[in-house]
Amino acid sequence: MAAAVSAAVSLPSTKATSLSARTSIISPETINFNKASLHYRNVSSTGAKMAPIRAQVTTEAPAKAEKISKKQEEGVIVNKFRPKEPYVGRCLLNVKLTGDDAPGETWHMVFSTEGEVPYREGQSIGVIADGVDKNGKPHKLRLYSIASSALGDFGDSKTVSLCVKRLVYTNDQGEIVKGVCSNFLCDVKAGDEVKITGPVGKEMLMPKDPNATIIMLGTGTGIAPFRSFLWKMFFEEHEDYKFNGLAWLFLGVPTSSSLLYKEEFEKMKEKNPENFRLDFAVSREQTNAKGEKMYIQTRMAEYAEELWELLKKDNTFVYMCGLKGMEKGIDDIMVSLAARDGIDWVEYKRQLKKAEQWNVEVY
């Protein structure tokens, strides 16, 4: 049985709440950290920089140890609710995460499930927007990564949370187009009903190993599954799980007003300095020593050697979630690092994927 940390939360009545001056949902100051100290070896953060290398690959990639697939784990429920018979939840909370000067709006929302939509950290749910499409048919569902731990933001296993960016763009004809489901969700108010399907997905399930090294690479709303991981690790108490490993989060955003859940993550780092490392990459405001924009792969390059050494271990798991463009930049770093050891990165990544140590969900 798990016991969630206590959090003082007041549910809104009918209006969506704006948090333009904040970046956390449940204020860290209201969270009771009554936990035993966690210990992990001090990992160096000297940040050796990566130099481009074009070496001939001559060494075979080291074989990965056989593991029991997380996809075979018992108790992982998928597709309990389908589009024809969705679960109808109710919005409890909808708050704006991004500042007013951020390029776009991102919202955090909590829906009641009364425990009827059991999910695991790393899964997704589907949402069906109200109304009908241009053909008079119900809108198609849209999948969203779950942003809460299995206990939910209120710790009673009766809610599910999402992190959603409002999609608005101008098409080739100069017309403003609004994403149906994202705008529906960002506009939903406390008390409104929402049709939910799922849960789905096993690719991004959180590792069960409490001593694992978990490297999380996220851009924008790709932070959602990592928030679910980190809440379980650092904001909750479980009789059968106590995280003693290393969690390392890299979060890439365009501006500082786009940083999501910043206060929550900084509180985790403050309370668990040996177990949690946190690095932001703010592309429009930060540059590296060469004057290059600070994208997530640019920030990773500052720790290139250390990351590569961690990646050689059988209990290191990499999770990538967010914009598809991040994948190539990260691959470019790994190609050079692997080449230093005479390893073919493409083959090594294939082995990592097979061992479920390299997990990707990009869009």
Protein backbone atom coordinates (compact mmCIF):
# COMPACT_ATOMS: atom_id res chain seq x y z
CA MET A 1 0.00 0.00 0.00
CA ALA A 2 1.24 3.48 -0.78
CA ALA A 3 0.84 6.61 1.24
CA ALA A 4 0.93 9.92 -0.59
CA VAL A 5 2.43 13.01 0.93
CA SER A 6 -0.11 15.42 2.31
CA ALA A 7 -0.84 18.42 0.13
CA ALA A 8 -3.13 21.31 0.95
CA VAL A 9 -5.21 21.84 -2.17
CA SER A 10 -8.33 23.90 -2.61
CA LEU A 11 -10.44 22.86 -5.56
CA PRO A 12 -11.74 25.70 -7.70
CA SER A 13 -15.44 26.26 -8.10
CA THR A 14 -16.29 27.05 -11.70
CA LYS A 15 -13.51 29.13 -13.22
CA ALA A 16 -10.21 27.95 -14.64
CA THR A 17 -7.33 29.36 -12.63
CA SER A 18 -4.34 31.22 -14.09
CA LEU A 19 -0.88 30.61 -12.68
CA SER A 20 1.02 33.01 -14.92
CA ALA A 21 3.33 33.99 -12.05
CA ARG A 22 4.01 30.42 -10.93
CA THR A 23 5.14 27.14 -12.40
CA SER A 24 3.85 24.63 -9.88
CA ILE A 25 0.40 23.22 -9.31
CA ILE A 26 0.56 22.08 -5.73
CA SER A 27 2.85 24.54 -4.01
CA PRO A 28 5.95 22.73 -2.69
CA GLU A 29 5.57 24.65 0.57
CA THR A 30 2.33 22.75 1.26
CA ILE A 31 3.92 19.33 0.82
CA ASN A 32 5.03 17.40 3.88
CA PHE A 33 8.36 15.66 3.26
CA ASN A 34 8.37 13.17 6.13
CA LYS A 35 10.75 10.70 4.56
CA ALA A 36 13.91 8.79 5.34
CA SER A 37 17.09 10.12 3.79
CA LEU A 38 18.10 8.63 0.47
CA HIS A 39 21.71 7.91 -0.38
CA TYR A 40 23.53 7.56 -3.66
CA ARG A 41 27.14 7.99 -4.63
CA ASN A 42 28.10 11.52 -5.56
CA VAL A 43 28.10 11.75 -9.35
CA SER A 44 30.64 14.20 -10.77
CA SER A 45 29.25 17.19 -12.60
CA THR A 46 32.49 18.55 -13.95
CA GLY A 47 30.83 18.68 -17.35
CA ALA A 48 33.58 17.69 -19.77
CA LYS A 49 32.72 19.11 -23.15
CA MET A 50 32.34 17.00 -26.25
CA ALA A 51 34.63 17.47 -29.23
CA PRO A 52 33.53 16.26 -32.67
CA ILE A 53 35.11 12.91 -33.52
CA ARG A 54 35.06 11.00 -36.74
CA ALA A 55 36.60 7.67 -35.80
CA GLN A 56 36.38 4.41 -37.65
CA VAL A 57 34.18 1.99 -35.73
CA THR A 58 36.02 -1.22 -34.99
CA THR A 59 34.61 -2.44 -31.69
CA GLU A 60 31.40 -4.38 -31.25
CA ALA A 61 28.79 -2.83 -29.00
CA PRO A 62 28.86 -4.44 -25.54
CA ALA A 63 26.09 -6.99 -25.09
CA LYS A 64 23.21 -5.96 -22.84
CA ALA A 65 22.06 -8.18 -19.98
CA GLU A 66 18.79 -10.04 -20.44
CA LYS A 67 15.92 -8.58 -18.40
CA ILE A 68 12.29 -9.37 -17.79
CA SER A 69 10.35 -7.11 -20.14
CA LYS A 70 8.34 -4.38 -18.46
CA LYS A 71 5.72 -5.07 -21.13
CA GLN A 72 5.10 -8.43 -19.47
CA GLU A 73 4.57 -6.96 -16.00
CA GLU A 74 1.43 -8.08 -14.24
CA GLY A 75 -1.25 -5.57 -13.41
CA VAL A 76 -0.64 -3.17 -16.30
CA ILE A 77 -4.10 -2.39 -17.62
CA VAL A 78 -4.68 -1.18 -21.18
CA ASN A 79 -7.82 -0.15 -23.07
CA LYS A 80 -10.25 -0.56 -20.20
CA PHE A 81 -12.29 2.21 -21.80
CA ARG A 82 -12.72 2.58 -25.56
CA PRO A 83 -14.14 5.35 -27.77
CA LYS A 84 -17.61 3.81 -28.01
CA GLU A 85 -17.85 3.46 -24.24
CA PRO A 86 -15.55 6.04 -22.68
CA TYR A 87 -15.27 6.86 -19.02
CA VAL A 88 -16.89 10.19 -18.24
CA GLY A 89 -14.75 12.06 -15.74
CA ARG A 90 -15.17 15.51 -14.29
CA CYS A 91 -12.66 18.34 -14.31
CA LEU A 92 -11.48 19.24 -10.81
CA LEU A 93 -8.73 21.70 -11.66
CA ASN A 94 -7.42 23.51 -14.74
CA VAL A 95 -4.51 25.93 -14.32
CA LYS A 96 -2.28 27.78 -16.75
CA LEU A 97 1.38 26.86 -16.33
CA THR A 98 3.10 29.23 -18.74
CA GLY A 99 3.70 32.94 -18.28
CA ASP A 100 1.84 35.55 -20.31
CA ASP A 101 4.94 36.21 -22.45
CA ALA A 102 5.52 32.53 -23.27
CA PRO A 103 5.16 31.44 -26.92
CA GLY A 104 1.90 29.57 -26.47
CA GLU A 105 -0.20 28.40 -23.54
CA THR A 106 0.27 25.18 -21.58
CA TRP A 107 -2.26 24.04 -18.97
CA HIS A 108 -2.30 21.46 -16.20
CA MET A 109 -5.64 19.76 -15.60
CA VAL A 110 -6.89 17.19 -13.12
CA PHE A 111 -9.87 14.91 -13.80
CA SER A 112 -11.78 12.72 -11.38
CA THR A 113 -11.82 9.00 -12.18
CA GLU A 114 -13.13 7.61 -8.88
CA GLY A 115 -10.48 4.92 -9.26
CA GLU A 116 -12.13 3.53 -12.40
CA VAL A 117 -9.22 4.35 -14.74
CA PRO A 118 -6.23 2.62 -13.13
CA TYR A 119 -2.95 3.53 -14.79
CA ARG A 120 0.78 3.32 -14.30
CA GLU A 121 3.47 5.96 -14.51
CA GLY A 122 4.40 6.30 -18.20
CA GLN A 123 1.01 5.46 -19.69
CA SER A 124 -1.36 7.69 -21.68
CA ILE A 125 -5.09 8.28 -21.87
CA GLY A 126 -7.29 9.31 -24.74
CA VAL A 127 -9.66 12.28 -24.68
CA ILE A 128 -12.65 12.81 -26.96
CA ALA A 129 -13.57 16.47 -27.38
CA ASP A 130 -17.22 17.46 -27.15
CA GLY A 131 -19.13 18.14 -30.34
CA VAL A 132 -18.87 16.70 -33.85
CA ASP A 133 -16.53 17.11 -36.80
CA LYS A 134 -17.37 18.64 -40.22
CA ASN A 135 -19.01 15.35 -41.22
CA GLY A 136 -21.27 15.32 -38.20
CA LYS A 137 -19.39 12.49 -36.53
CA PRO A 138 -17.90 12.49 -33.01
CA HIS A 139 -14.37 13.86 -32.86
CA LYS A 140 -11.57 11.31 -32.91
CA LEU A 141 -9.76 10.72 -29.67
CA ARG A 142 -6.39 12.30 -29.00
CA LEU A 143 -3.78 10.64 -26.81
CA TYR A 144 -2.01 12.53 -24.02
CA SER A 145 0.78 11.36 -21.73
CA ILE A 146 -0.34 11.20 -18.12
CA ALA A 147 1.34 13.83 -15.93
CA SER A 148 0.47 12.36 -12.53
CA SER A 149 1.69 9.34 -10.61
CA ALA A 150 -0.63 6.36 -10.20
CA LEU A 151 -1.79 7.90 -6.92
CA GLY A 152 -2.80 11.11 -8.69
CA ASP A 153 -2.12 14.67 -7.61
CA PHE A 154 -4.36 14.32 -4.56
CA GLY A 155 -2.90 11.00 -3.44
CA ASP A 156 -6.13 8.98 -3.44
CA SER A 157 -5.79 7.08 -6.76
CA LYS A 158 -9.01 8.72 -7.92
CA THR A 159 -7.68 11.34 -10.36
CA VAL A 160 -5.59 11.64 -13.51
CA SER A 161 -3.68 14.72 -14.66
CA LEU A 162 -2.62 16.00 -18.08
CA CYS A 163 -0.24 18.68 -19.35
CA VAL A 164 -1.61 20.16 -22.59
CA LYS A 165 -0.41 22.92 -24.91
CA ARG A 166 -3.07 24.87 -26.75
CA LEU A 167 -2.53 24.29 -30.49
CA VAL A 168 -3.11 27.41 -32.59
CA TYR A 169 -1.42 28.05 -35.93
CA THR A 170 -1.85 29.85 -39.26
CA ASN A 171 -2.22 27.63 -42.33
CA ASP A 172 -0.98 28.29 -45.86
CA GLN A 173 -4.15 30.23 -46.68
CA GLY A 174 -3.54 32.62 -43.79
CA GLU A 175 -6.36 31.16 -41.73
CA ILE A 176 -6.03 30.63 -37.97
CA VAL A 177 -6.48 26.97 -37.11
CA LYS A 178 -7.18 25.71 -33.61
CA GLY A 179 -6.51 22.14 -32.53
CA VAL A 180 -9.87 20.68 -31.58
CA CYS A 181 -8.91 18.58 -28.58
CA SER A 182 -6.16 20.76 -27.14
CA ASN A 183 -8.38 23.85 -27.17
CA PHE A 184 -11.26 21.86 -25.71
CA LEU A 185 -9.04 20.74 -22.84
CA CYS A 186 -7.39 24.10 -22.22
CA ASP A 187 -10.85 25.72 -22.03
CA VAL A 188 -12.45 23.09 -19.79
CA LYS A 189 -13.65 24.39 -16.42
CA ALA A 190 -14.00 22.79 -13.03
CA GLY A 191 -17.16 20.69 -13.03
CA ASP A 192 -17.18 20.03 -16.79
CA GLU A 193 -17.42 16.44 -17.98
CA VAL A 194 -14.66 14.92 -20.11
CA LYS A 195 -14.76 11.64 -22.06
CA ILE A 196 -11.68 9.51 -21.33
CA THR A 197 -10.39 6.32 -22.97
CA GLY A 198 -7.56 3.96 -22.11
CA PRO A 199 -5.20 3.82 -20.39
CA VAL A 200 -2.78 2.80 -23.15
CA GLY A 201 0.90 2.18 -23.66
CA LYS A 202 3.71 0.12 -22.17
CA GLU A 203 6.69 1.64 -23.99
CA MET A 204 7.29 4.39 -21.43
CA LEU A 205 6.54 2.49 -18.23
CA MET A 206 8.69 3.57 -15.32
CA PRO A 207 11.37 1.05 -14.29
CA LYS A 208 10.61 -0.89 -11.12
CA ASP A 209 14.28 -1.02 -10.07
CA PRO A 210 14.62 1.47 -7.16
CA ASN A 211 18.40 1.61 -7.70
CA ALA A 212 18.25 2.47 -11.40
CA THR A 213 19.70 5.50 -13.12
CA ILE A 214 16.87 7.15 -15.04
CA ILE A 215 17.82 9.83 -17.57
CA MET A 216 14.80 11.83 -18.75
CA LEU A 217 14.97 14.01 -21.87
CA GLY A 218 11.92 16.19 -22.41
CA THR A 219 10.84 19.20 -24.43
CA GLY A 220 7.70 21.19 -23.66
CA THR A 221 4.73 19.02 -22.73
CA GLY A 222 7.00 16.00 -23.12
CA ILE A 223 7.66 16.62 -19.43
CA ALA A 224 4.35 14.90 -18.58
CA PRO A 225 5.50 11.28 -18.05
CA PHE A 226 8.61 12.47 -16.19
CA ARG A 227 6.52 14.42 -13.71
CA SER A 228 4.67 11.18 -13.01
CA PHE A 229 8.00 9.35 -12.46
CA LEU A 230 9.40 12.06 -10.21
CA TRP A 231 6.32 12.39 -8.04
CA LYS A 232 6.50 8.68 -7.27
CA MET A 233 10.23 8.91 -6.55
CA PHE A 234 10.28 12.03 -4.41
CA PHE A 235 6.81 13.22 -3.38
CA GLU A 236 5.31 9.92 -2.19
CA GLU A 237 5.96 7.11 0.26
CA HIS A 238 5.45 3.47 -0.74
CA GLU A 239 5.87 0.33 1.32
CA ASP A 240 7.22 -1.57 -1.69
CA TYR A 241 9.20 1.20 -3.42
CA LYS A 242 11.86 3.59 -2.19
CA PHE A 243 13.99 5.26 -4.84
CA ASN A 244 17.71 5.03 -4.09
CA GLY A 245 19.08 5.55 -7.61
CA LEU A 246 19.79 8.61 -9.72
CA ALA A 247 17.12 10.56 -11.59
CA TRP A 248 18.50 13.10 -14.07
CA LEU A 249 16.09 15.39 -15.88
CA PHE A 250 16.93 17.51 -18.94
CA LEU A 251 14.07 19.85 -19.89
CA GLY A 252 14.21 21.98 -23.03
CA VAL A 253 11.93 25.00 -23.55
CA PRO A 254 12.13 28.23 -25.63
CA THR A 255 11.83 30.75 -22.77
CA SER A 256 12.07 30.74 -18.99
CA SER A 257 8.35 31.58 -18.80
CA SER A 258 7.78 28.24 -20.59
CA LEU A 259 9.44 26.15 -17.87
CA LEU A 260 6.86 23.70 -16.59
CA TYR A 261 6.62 22.53 -12.95
CA LYS A 262 9.85 24.39 -12.16
CA GLU A 263 9.09 24.90 -8.47
CA GLU A 264 8.14 21.27 -7.98
CA PHE A 265 11.37 20.03 -9.54
CA GLU A 266 13.53 22.49 -7.63
CA LYS A 267 11.93 21.37 -4.36
CA MET A 268 12.69 17.75 -5.25
CA LYS A 269 16.30 18.64 -5.95
CA GLU A 270 16.58 20.58 -2.69
CA LYS A 271 15.30 17.63 -0.67
CA ASN A 272 17.13 14.92 -2.64
CA PRO A 273 20.42 16.43 -3.90
CA GLU A 274 22.21 13.07 -4.18
CA ASN A 275 19.40 11.40 -6.08
CA PHE A 276 18.07 14.08 -8.39
CA ARG A 277 19.87 16.20 -10.97
CA LEU A 278 18.08 18.92 -12.89
CA ASP A 279 19.20 20.75 -16.03
CA PHE A 280 17.18 23.24 -18.05
CA ALA A 281 17.89 24.26 -21.65
CA VAL A 282 16.24 27.59 -22.55
CA SER A 283 16.94 28.03 -26.25
CA ARG A 284 15.97 31.70 -26.71
CA GLU A 285 17.74 32.93 -23.60
CA GLN A 286 20.81 30.74 -23.07
CA THR A 287 23.89 29.91 -25.12
CA ASN A 288 26.86 27.63 -24.64
CA ALA A 289 30.51 28.68 -24.56
CA LYS A 290 30.54 28.81 -28.37
CA GLY A 291 27.55 31.13 -28.49
CA GLU A 292 25.22 28.41 -29.78
CA LYS A 293 21.59 28.32 -28.71
CA MET A 294 20.97 26.11 -25.70
CA TYR A 295 18.82 23.27 -26.97
CA ILE A 296 18.44 20.09 -24.94
CA GLN A 297 21.20 18.33 -26.89
CA THR A 298 23.47 21.36 -26.35
CA ARG A 299 22.98 21.07 -22.60
CA MET A 300 23.59 17.32 -22.71
CA ALA A 301 26.87 17.88 -24.55
CA GLU A 302 28.19 19.62 -21.42
CA TYR A 303 27.92 16.29 -19.61
CA ALA A 304 28.76 14.12 -22.61
CA GLU A 305 31.43 11.88 -21.05
CA GLU A 306 29.44 11.31 -17.88
CA LEU A 307 26.27 10.46 -19.76
CA TRP A 308 28.12 8.00 -21.98
CA GLU A 309 29.63 6.21 -18.97
CA LEU A 310 26.20 5.94 -17.36
CA LEU A 311 24.72 4.61 -20.58
CA LYS A 312 27.12 1.66 -20.56
CA LYS A 313 25.54 0.34 -17.36
CA ASP A 314 22.78 -2.25 -17.40
CA ASN A 315 20.65 -0.38 -14.89
CA THR A 316 20.60 2.95 -16.79
CA PHE A 317 17.35 3.79 -18.58
CA VAL A 318 16.90 6.68 -21.00
CA TYR A 319 13.46 8.16 -21.69
CA MET A 320 12.84 10.73 -24.40
CA CYS A 321 9.52 12.53 -24.81
CA GLY A 322 8.56 15.62 -26.75
CA LEU A 323 9.15 17.15 -30.16
CA LYS A 324 10.51 14.78 -32.78
CA GLY A 325 13.26 17.23 -33.75
CA MET A 326 15.13 16.54 -30.50
CA GLU A 327 15.87 12.95 -31.48
CA LYS A 328 18.40 13.72 -34.23
CA GLY A 329 20.35 16.18 -32.11
CA ILE A 330 20.68 13.64 -29.32
CA ASP A 331 21.68 10.92 -31.78
CA ASP A 332 24.42 13.18 -33.15
CA ILE A 333 25.92 13.48 -29.67
CA MET A 334 25.79 9.74 -29.10
CA VAL A 335 27.38 8.92 -32.47
CA SER A 336 30.48 10.91 -31.54
CA LEU A 337 30.66 9.52 -28.01
CA ALA A 338 30.27 5.93 -29.15
CA ALA A 339 32.92 6.45 -31.84
CA ARG A 340 35.46 7.35 -29.16
CA ASP A 341 35.14 3.79 -27.90
CA GLY A 342 35.01 2.40 -31.42
CA ILE A 343 31.33 1.52 -31.04
CA ASP A 344 28.66 1.77 -33.73
CA TRP A 345 25.95 3.89 -32.11
CA VAL A 346 23.18 2.64 -34.40
CA GLU A 347 23.84 -0.96 -33.36
CA TYR A 348 24.31 -0.05 -29.71
CA LYS A 349 21.04 1.90 -29.65
CA ARG A 350 19.31 -1.11 -31.18
CA GLN A 351 20.57 -3.22 -28.28
CA LEU A 352 19.52 -0.56 -25.78
CA LYS A 353 16.01 -0.52 -27.23
CA LYS A 354 15.80 -4.30 -27.11
CA ALA A 355 16.87 -4.19 -23.46
CA GLU A 356 14.24 -1.44 -22.89
CA GLN A 357 16.95 0.99 -21.83
CA TRP A 358 16.25 3.47 -24.63
CA ASN A 359 12.59 4.54 -24.70
CA VAL A 360 11.25 7.16 -27.10
CA GLU A 361 7.87 8.86 -27.47
CA VAL A 362 8.10 11.84 -29.83
CA TYR A 363 5.53 13.66 -31.94
